[in-house]
Amino acid sequence: MRMEAMRKVCRYMQKDHEVLKLPPGFRFHPTDQELIISYLSEKVLDNQFSSIAIAEVDLNSCEPWELPSESLKNHLNSF
């Protein structure tokens, strides 16, 4: 049931491209299985798929020590 709910959230975010308004204290902490089934497999099958909850970073455009700051760009208001 939880994975189906996560799929619905990902589809909603992909369709509307809006920032989710979540309650204070909400923590996005999916299991490995949920990440693979609900996000990574969808990303592989559909190149246009995107998710607000998971930041995308081009690993070839930055140095390893820059990754933490790159992953937080445009996502600082989500906490």
PDB file of N, CA and C in Angstrom:
ATOM      1  N   MET A   1       0.825  -1.201   0.000  1.00  0.00           N
ATOM      2  CA  MET A   1       0.000   0.000   0.000  1.00  0.00           C
ATOM      3  C   MET A   1       0.868   1.263   0.000  1.00  0.00           C
ATOM      4  N   ARG A   2       1.933   1.241   0.778  1.00  0.00           N
ATOM      5  CA  ARG A   2       2.799   2.412   0.890  1.00  0.00           C
ATOM      6  C   ARG A   2       3.475   2.732  -0.444  1.00  0.00           C
ATOM      7  N   MET A   3       3.890   1.683  -1.170  1.00  0.00           N
ATOM      8  CA  MET A   3       4.559   1.917  -2.447  1.00  0.00           C
ATOM      9  C   MET A   3       3.589   2.494  -3.474  1.00  0.00           C
ATOM     10  N   GLU A   4       2.350   2.064  -3.447  1.00  0.00           N
ATOM     11  CA  GLU A   4       1.355   2.616  -4.372  1.00  0.00           C
ATOM     12  C   GLU A   4       1.121   4.097  -4.084  1.00  0.00           C
ATOM     13  N   ALA A   5       1.097   4.459  -2.812  1.00  0.00           N
ATOM     14  CA  ALA A   5       0.936   5.869  -2.441  1.00  0.00           C
ATOM     15  C   ALA A   5       2.119   6.685  -2.946  1.00  0.00           C
ATOM     16  N   MET A   6       3.320   6.130  -2.855  1.00  0.00           N
ATOM     17  CA  MET A   6       4.514   6.832  -3.323  1.00  0.00           C
ATOM     18  C   MET A   6       4.461   7.011  -4.844  1.00  0.00           C
ATOM     19  N   ARG A   7       3.976   5.994  -5.562  1.00  0.00           N
ATOM     20  CA  ARG A   7       3.837   6.115  -7.016  1.00  0.00           C
ATOM     21  C   ARG A   7       2.873   7.241  -7.380  1.00  0.00           C
ATOM     22  N   LYS A   8       1.769   7.343  -6.634  1.00  0.00           N
ATOM     23  CA  LYS A   8       0.797   8.395  -6.901  1.00  0.00           C
ATOM     24  C   LYS A   8       1.403   9.771  -6.676  1.00  0.00           C
ATOM     25  N   VAL A   9       2.201   9.910  -5.622  1.00  0.00           N
ATOM     26  CA  VAL A   9       2.855  11.190  -5.341  1.00  0.00           C
ATOM     27  C   VAL A   9       3.817  11.535  -6.471  1.00  0.00           C
ATOM     28  N   CYS A  10       4.604  10.565  -6.930  1.00  0.00           N
ATOM     29  CA  CYS A  10       5.553  10.816  -8.017  1.00  0.00           C
ATOM     30  C   CYS A  10       4.821  11.213  -9.295  1.00  0.00           C
ATOM     31  N   ARG A  11       3.711  10.537  -9.604  1.00  0.00           N
ATOM     32  CA  ARG A  11       2.942  10.894 -10.802  1.00  0.00           C
ATOM     33  C   ARG A  11       2.357  12.293 -10.676  1.00  0.00           C
ATOM     34  N   TYR A  12       1.852  12.618  -9.485  1.00  0.00           N
ATOM     35  CA  TYR A  12       1.279  13.941  -9.240  1.00  0.00           C
ATOM     36  C   TYR A  12       2.339  15.016  -9.440  1.00  0.00           C
ATOM     37  N   MET A  13       3.526  14.798  -8.869  1.00  0.00           N
ATOM     38  CA  MET A  13       4.590  15.795  -8.979  1.00  0.00           C
ATOM     39  C   MET A  13       5.060  15.919 -10.415  1.00  0.00           C
ATOM     40  N   GLN A  14       5.116  14.814 -11.141  1.00  0.00           N
ATOM     41  CA  GLN A  14       5.547  14.856 -12.530  1.00  0.00           C
ATOM     42  C   GLN A  14       4.555  15.640 -13.377  1.00  0.00           C
ATOM     43  N   LYS A  15       3.287  15.472 -13.113  1.00  0.00           N
ATOM     44  CA  LYS A  15       2.245  16.092 -13.927  1.00  0.00           C
ATOM     45  C   LYS A  15       2.147  17.595 -13.684  1.00  0.00           C
ATOM     46  N   ASP A  16       2.150  18.009 -12.440  1.00  0.00           N
ATOM     47  CA  ASP A  16       1.885  19.405 -12.114  1.00  0.00           C
ATOM     48  C   ASP A  16       3.134  20.252 -11.903  1.00  0.00           C
ATOM     49  N   HIS A  17       4.275  19.644 -11.662  1.00  0.00           N
ATOM     50  CA  HIS A  17       5.528  20.356 -11.419  1.00  0.00           C
ATOM     51  C   HIS A  17       5.370  21.422 -10.335  1.00  0.00           C
ATOM     52  N   GLU A  18       4.675  21.093  -9.288  1.00  0.00           N
ATOM     53  CA  GLU A  18       4.489  22.022  -8.184  1.00  0.00           C
ATOM     54  C   GLU A  18       5.282  21.543  -6.976  1.00  0.00           C
ATOM     55  N   VAL A  19       5.574  22.470  -6.104  1.00  0.00           N
ATOM     56  CA  VAL A  19       6.214  22.111  -4.849  1.00  0.00           C
ATOM     57  C   VAL A  19       5.137  21.561  -3.930  1.00  0.00           C
ATOM     58  N   LEU A  20       5.408  20.413  -3.348  1.00  0.00           N
ATOM     59  CA  LEU A  20       4.435  19.831  -2.429  1.00  0.00           C
ATOM     60  C   LEU A  20       4.402  20.616  -1.133  1.00  0.00           C
ATOM     61  N   LYS A  21       3.230  20.820  -0.621  1.00  0.00           N
ATOM     62  CA  LYS A  21       3.077  21.484   0.670  1.00  0.00           C
ATOM     63  C   LYS A  21       2.880  20.390   1.708  1.00  0.00           C
ATOM     64  N   LEU A  22       3.949  20.061   2.406  1.00  0.00           N
ATOM     65  CA  LEU A  22       3.912  18.982   3.384  1.00  0.00           C
ATOM     66  C   LEU A  22       3.889  19.540   4.798  1.00  0.00           C
ATOM     67  N   PRO A  23       3.338  18.789   5.736  1.00  0.00           N
ATOM     68  CA  PRO A  23       3.273  19.267   7.115  1.00  0.00           C
ATOM     69  C   PRO A  23       4.667  19.354   7.731  1.00  0.00           C
ATOM     70  N   PRO A  24       4.854  20.246   8.706  1.00  0.00           N
ATOM     71  CA  PRO A  24       6.141  20.341   9.394  1.00  0.00           C
ATOM     72  C   PRO A  24       6.518  18.986   9.986  1.00  0.00           C
ATOM     73  N   GLY A  25       7.778  18.647   9.865  1.00  0.00           N
ATOM     74  CA  GLY A  25       8.261  17.390  10.414  1.00  0.00           C
ATOM     75  C   GLY A  25       8.171  16.218   9.460  1.00  0.00           C
ATOM     76  N   PHE A  26       7.570  16.432   8.272  1.00  0.00           N
ATOM     77  CA  PHE A  26       7.483  15.340   7.303  1.00  0.00           C
ATOM     78  C   PHE A  26       8.885  14.967   6.871  1.00  0.00           C
ATOM     79  N   ARG A  27       9.155  13.674   6.802  1.00  0.00           N
ATOM     80  CA  ARG A  27      10.482  13.214   6.408  1.00  0.00           C
ATOM     81  C   ARG A  27      10.349  12.233   5.252  1.00  0.00           C
ATOM     82  N   PHE A  28      11.021  12.517   4.173  1.00  0.00           N
ATOM     83  CA  PHE A  28      11.044  11.632   3.012  1.00  0.00           C
ATOM     84  C   PHE A  28      12.168  10.639   3.224  1.00  0.00           C
ATOM     85  N   HIS A  29      11.821   9.409   3.530  1.00  0.00           N
ATOM     86  CA  HIS A  29      12.826   8.389   3.823  1.00  0.00           C
ATOM     87  C   HIS A  29      12.363   7.050   3.237  1.00  0.00           C
ATOM     88  N   PRO A  30      12.377   6.918   1.899  1.00  0.00           N
ATOM     89  CA  PRO A  30      11.911   5.673   1.277  1.00  0.00           C
ATOM     90  C   PRO A  30      12.905   4.534   1.485  1.00  0.00           C
ATOM     91  N   THR A  31      12.397   3.316   1.452  1.00  0.00           N
ATOM     92  CA  THR A  31      13.266   2.142   1.527  1.00  0.00           C
ATOM     93  C   THR A  31      13.960   1.970   0.177  1.00  0.00           C
ATOM     94  N   ASP A  32      14.976   1.110   0.150  1.00  0.00           N
ATOM     95  CA  ASP A  32      15.665   0.828  -1.109  1.00  0.00           C
ATOM     96  C   ASP A  32      14.684   0.275  -2.145  1.00  0.00           C
ATOM     97  N   GLN A  33      13.812  -0.623  -1.712  1.00  0.00           N
ATOM     98  CA  GLN A  33      12.830  -1.215  -2.619  1.00  0.00           C
ATOM     99  C   GLN A  33      11.892  -0.148  -3.186  1.00  0.00           C
ATOM    100  N   GLU A  34      11.441   0.762  -2.352  1.00  0.00           N
ATOM    101  CA  GLU A  34      10.558   1.834  -2.818  1.00  0.00           C
ATOM    102  C   GLU A  34      11.262   2.736  -3.823  1.00  0.00           C
ATOM    103  N   LEU A  35      12.538   3.033  -3.583  1.00  0.00           N
ATOM    104  CA  LEU A  35      13.292   3.855  -4.533  1.00  0.00           C
ATOM    105  C   LEU A  35      13.410   3.173  -5.892  1.00  0.00           C
ATOM    106  N   ILE A  36      13.726   1.885  -5.869  1.00  0.00           N
ATOM    107  CA  ILE A  36      13.912   1.162  -7.126  1.00  0.00           C
ATOM    108  C   ILE A  36      12.600   1.020  -7.880  1.00  0.00           C
ATOM    109  N   ILE A  37      11.551   0.608  -7.186  1.00  0.00           N
ATOM    110  CA  ILE A  37      10.275   0.353  -7.857  1.00  0.00           C
ATOM    111  C   ILE A  37       9.561   1.640  -8.248  1.00  0.00           C
ATOM    112  N   SER A  38       9.513   2.602  -7.350  1.00  0.00           N
ATOM    113  CA  SER A  38       8.688   3.787  -7.585  1.00  0.00           C
ATOM    114  C   SER A  38       9.413   4.925  -8.285  1.00  0.00           C
ATOM    115  N   TYR A  39      10.735   4.960  -8.214  1.00  0.00           N
ATOM    116  CA  TYR A  39      11.442   6.079  -8.831  1.00  0.00           C
ATOM    117  C   TYR A  39      12.395   5.623  -9.933  1.00  0.00           C
ATOM    118  N   LEU A  40      13.376   4.798  -9.587  1.00  0.00           N
ATOM    119  CA  LEU A  40      14.414   4.460 -10.560  1.00  0.00           C
ATOM    120  C   LEU A  40      13.873   3.710 -11.771  1.00  0.00           C
ATOM    121  N   SER A  41      12.988   2.750 -11.549  1.00  0.00           N
ATOM    122  CA  SER A  41      12.441   2.018 -12.701  1.00  0.00           C
ATOM    123  C   SER A  41      11.600   2.942 -13.579  1.00  0.00           C
ATOM    124  N   GLU A  42      10.852   3.850 -12.965  1.00  0.00           N
ATOM    125  CA  GLU A  42      10.070   4.829 -13.743  1.00  0.00           C
ATOM    126  C   GLU A  42      10.998   5.748 -14.536  1.00  0.00           C
ATOM    127  N   LYS A  43      12.107   6.154 -13.933  1.00  0.00           N
ATOM    128  CA  LYS A  43      13.069   7.043 -14.588  1.00  0.00           C
ATOM    129  C   LYS A  43      13.710   6.352 -15.792  1.00  0.00           C
ATOM    130  N   VAL A  44      14.034   5.070 -15.652  1.00  0.00           N
ATOM    131  CA  VAL A  44      14.647   4.323 -16.752  1.00  0.00           C
ATOM    132  C   VAL A  44      13.662   4.150 -17.908  1.00  0.00           C
ATOM    133  N   LEU A  45      12.403   3.898 -17.586  1.00  0.00           N
ATOM    134  CA  LEU A  45      11.397   3.648 -18.618  1.00  0.00           C
ATOM    135  C   LEU A  45      10.904   4.913 -19.309  1.00  0.00           C
ATOM    136  N   ASP A  46      10.982   6.046 -18.630  1.00  0.00           N
ATOM    137  CA  ASP A  46      10.459   7.298 -19.181  1.00  0.00           C
ATOM    138  C   ASP A  46      11.475   8.406 -18.948  1.00  0.00           C
ATOM    139  N   ASN A  47      12.153   8.826 -20.005  1.00  0.00           N
ATOM    140  CA  ASN A  47      13.206   9.837 -19.891  1.00  0.00           C
ATOM    141  C   ASN A  47      12.675  11.182 -19.413  1.00  0.00           C
ATOM    142  N   GLN A  48      11.398  11.460 -19.614  1.00  0.00           N
ATOM    143  CA  GLN A  48      10.796  12.727 -19.189  1.00  0.00           C
ATOM    144  C   GLN A  48      10.357  12.710 -17.727  1.00  0.00           C
ATOM    145  N   PHE A  49      10.428  11.559 -17.078  1.00  0.00           N
ATOM    146  CA  PHE A  49       9.993  11.435 -15.689  1.00  0.00           C
ATOM    147  C   PHE A  49      10.893  12.266 -14.781  1.00  0.00           C
ATOM    148  N   SER A  50      10.288  12.997 -13.868  1.00  0.00           N
ATOM    149  CA  SER A  50      11.059  13.743 -12.874  1.00  0.00           C
ATOM    150  C   SER A  50      10.289  13.746 -11.568  1.00  0.00           C
ATOM    151  N   SER A  51      10.997  14.049 -10.507  1.00  0.00           N
ATOM    152  CA  SER A  51      10.371  14.055  -9.189  1.00  0.00           C
ATOM    153  C   SER A  51      10.936  15.204  -8.379  1.00  0.00           C
ATOM    154  N   ILE A  52      10.054  15.941  -7.738  1.00  0.00           N
ATOM    155  CA  ILE A  52      10.495  17.046  -6.891  1.00  0.00           C
ATOM    156  C   ILE A  52      11.165  16.522  -5.629  1.00  0.00           C
ATOM    157  N   ALA A  53      10.709  15.377  -5.151  1.00  0.00           N
ATOM    158  CA  ALA A  53      11.208  14.838  -3.886  1.00  0.00           C
ATOM    159  C   ALA A  53      12.656  14.375  -3.974  1.00  0.00           C
ATOM    160  N   ILE A  54      13.131  14.047  -5.166  1.00  0.00           N
ATOM    161  CA  ILE A  54      14.498  13.558  -5.339  1.00  0.00           C
ATOM    162  C   ILE A  54      15.210  14.480  -6.318  1.00  0.00           C
ATOM    163  N   ALA A  55      16.254  15.141  -5.835  1.00  0.00           N
ATOM    164  CA  ALA A  55      17.007  16.067  -6.680  1.00  0.00           C
ATOM    165  C   ALA A  55      17.859  15.293  -7.684  1.00  0.00           C
ATOM    166  N   GLU A  56      18.013  15.855  -8.871  1.00  0.00           N
ATOM    167  CA  GLU A  56      18.883  15.270  -9.881  1.00  0.00           C
ATOM    168  C   GLU A  56      20.107  16.153 -10.032  1.00  0.00           C
ATOM    169  N   VAL A  57      21.271  15.514 -10.070  1.00  0.00           N
ATOM    170  CA  VAL A  57      22.530  16.236 -10.180  1.00  0.00           C
ATOM    171  C   VAL A  57      23.337  15.612 -11.309  1.00  0.00           C
ATOM    172  N   ASP A  58      23.894  16.440 -12.180  1.00  0.00           N
ATOM    173  CA  ASP A  58      24.776  15.961 -13.238  1.00  0.00           C
ATOM    174  C   ASP A  58      26.152  15.724 -12.622  1.00  0.00           C
ATOM    175  N   LEU A  59      26.516  14.463 -12.439  1.00  0.00           N
ATOM    176  CA  LEU A  59      27.774  14.118 -11.777  1.00  0.00           C
ATOM    177  C   LEU A  59      28.997  14.537 -12.580  1.00  0.00           C
ATOM    178  N   ASN A  60      28.838  14.742 -13.875  1.00  0.00           N
ATOM    179  CA  ASN A  60      29.967  15.139 -14.713  1.00  0.00           C
ATOM    180  C   ASN A  60      30.227  16.638 -14.699  1.00  0.00           C
ATOM    181  N   SER A  61      29.319  17.410 -14.128  1.00  0.00           N
ATOM    182  CA  SER A  61      29.481  18.861 -14.170  1.00  0.00           C
ATOM    183  C   SER A  61      30.019  19.456 -12.870  1.00  0.00           C
ATOM    184  N   CYS A  62      30.319  18.630 -11.888  1.00  0.00           N
ATOM    185  CA  CYS A  62      30.825  19.175 -10.627  1.00  0.00           C
ATOM    186  C   CYS A  62      31.820  18.212  -9.981  1.00  0.00           C
ATOM    187  N   GLU A  63      32.578  18.743  -9.072  1.00  0.00           N
ATOM    188  CA  GLU A  63      33.556  17.949  -8.329  1.00  0.00           C
ATOM    189  C   GLU A  63      32.852  17.204  -7.190  1.00  0.00           C
ATOM    190  N   PRO A  64      33.425  16.095  -6.726  1.00  0.00           N
ATOM    191  CA  PRO A  64      32.775  15.320  -5.661  1.00  0.00           C
ATOM    192  C   PRO A  64      32.453  16.129  -4.411  1.00  0.00           C
ATOM    193  N   TRP A  65      33.329  17.062  -4.035  1.00  0.00           N
ATOM    194  CA  TRP A  65      33.090  17.839  -2.815  1.00  0.00           C
ATOM    195  C   TRP A  65      31.986  18.888  -3.004  1.00  0.00           C
ATOM    196  N   GLU A  66      31.576  19.124  -4.246  1.00  0.00           N
ATOM    197  CA  GLU A  66      30.483  20.058  -4.516  1.00  0.00           C
ATOM    198  C   GLU A  66      29.111  19.379  -4.499  1.00  0.00           C
ATOM    199  N   LEU A  67      29.065  18.060  -4.472  1.00  0.00           N
ATOM    200  CA  LEU A  67      27.795  17.339  -4.560  1.00  0.00           C
ATOM    201  C   LEU A  67      26.785  17.708  -3.477  1.00  0.00           C
ATOM    202  N   PRO A  68      27.174  17.828  -2.212  1.00  0.00           N
ATOM    203  CA  PRO A  68      26.156  18.191  -1.211  1.00  0.00           C
ATOM    204  C   PRO A  68      25.464  19.519  -1.514  1.00  0.00           C
ATOM    205  N   SER A  69      26.213  20.533  -1.931  1.00  0.00           N
ATOM    206  CA  SER A  69      25.579  21.822  -2.222  1.00  0.00           C
ATOM    207  C   SER A  69      24.774  21.761  -3.519  1.00  0.00           C
ATOM    208  N   GLU A  70      25.228  20.989  -4.501  1.00  0.00           N
ATOM    209  CA  GLU A  70      24.494  20.853  -5.761  1.00  0.00           C
ATOM    210  C   GLU A  70      23.150  20.171  -5.542  1.00  0.00           C
ATOM    211  N   SER A  71      23.121  19.180  -4.667  1.00  0.00           N
ATOM    212  CA  SER A  71      21.872  18.443  -4.460  1.00  0.00           C
ATOM    213  C   SER A  71      20.838  19.278  -3.718  1.00  0.00           C
ATOM    214  N   LEU A  72      21.269  20.322  -3.021  1.00  0.00           N
ATOM    215  CA  LEU A  72      20.336  21.155  -2.270  1.00  0.00           C
ATOM    216  C   LEU A  72      19.863  22.381  -3.043  1.00  0.00           C
ATOM    217  N   LYS A  73      20.442  22.646  -4.207  1.00  0.00           N
ATOM    218  CA  LYS A  73      20.002  23.800  -4.994  1.00  0.00           C
ATOM    219  C   LYS A  73      18.520  23.666  -5.315  1.00  0.00           C
ATOM    220  N   ASN A  74      17.794  24.743  -5.131  1.00  0.00           N
ATOM    221  CA  ASN A  74      16.349  24.804  -5.386  1.00  0.00           C
ATOM    222  C   ASN A  74      15.531  23.890  -4.482  1.00  0.00           C
ATOM    223  N   HIS A  75      16.147  23.293  -3.476  1.00  0.00           N
ATOM    224  CA  HIS A  75      15.409  22.412  -2.577  1.00  0.00           C
ATOM    225  C   HIS A  75      15.516  22.876  -1.127  1.00  0.00           C
ATOM    226  N   LEU A  76      16.066  24.045  -0.906  1.00  0.00           N
ATOM    227  CA  LEU A  76      16.236  24.521   0.464  1.00  0.00           C
ATOM    228  C   LEU A  76      14.913  24.847   1.127  1.00  0.00           C
ATOM    229  N   ASN A  77      13.902  25.195   0.371  1.00  0.00           N
ATOM    230  CA  ASN A  77      12.606  25.529   0.950  1.00  0.00           C
ATOM    231  C   ASN A  77      11.757  24.304   1.253  1.00  0.00           C
ATOM    232  N   SER A  78      12.253  23.117   0.944  1.00  0.00           N
ATOM    233  CA  SER A  78      11.437  21.919   1.127  1.00  0.00           C
ATOM    234  C   SER A  78      11.478  21.386   2.549  1.00  0.00           C
ATOM    235  N   PHE A  79      12.270  22.003   3.409  1.00  0.00           N
ATOM    236  CA  PHE A  79      12.350  21.489   4.779  1.00  0.00           C
ATOM    237  C   PHE A  79      11.400  22.214   5.656  1.00  0.00           C
TER     238      PHE A  79
END
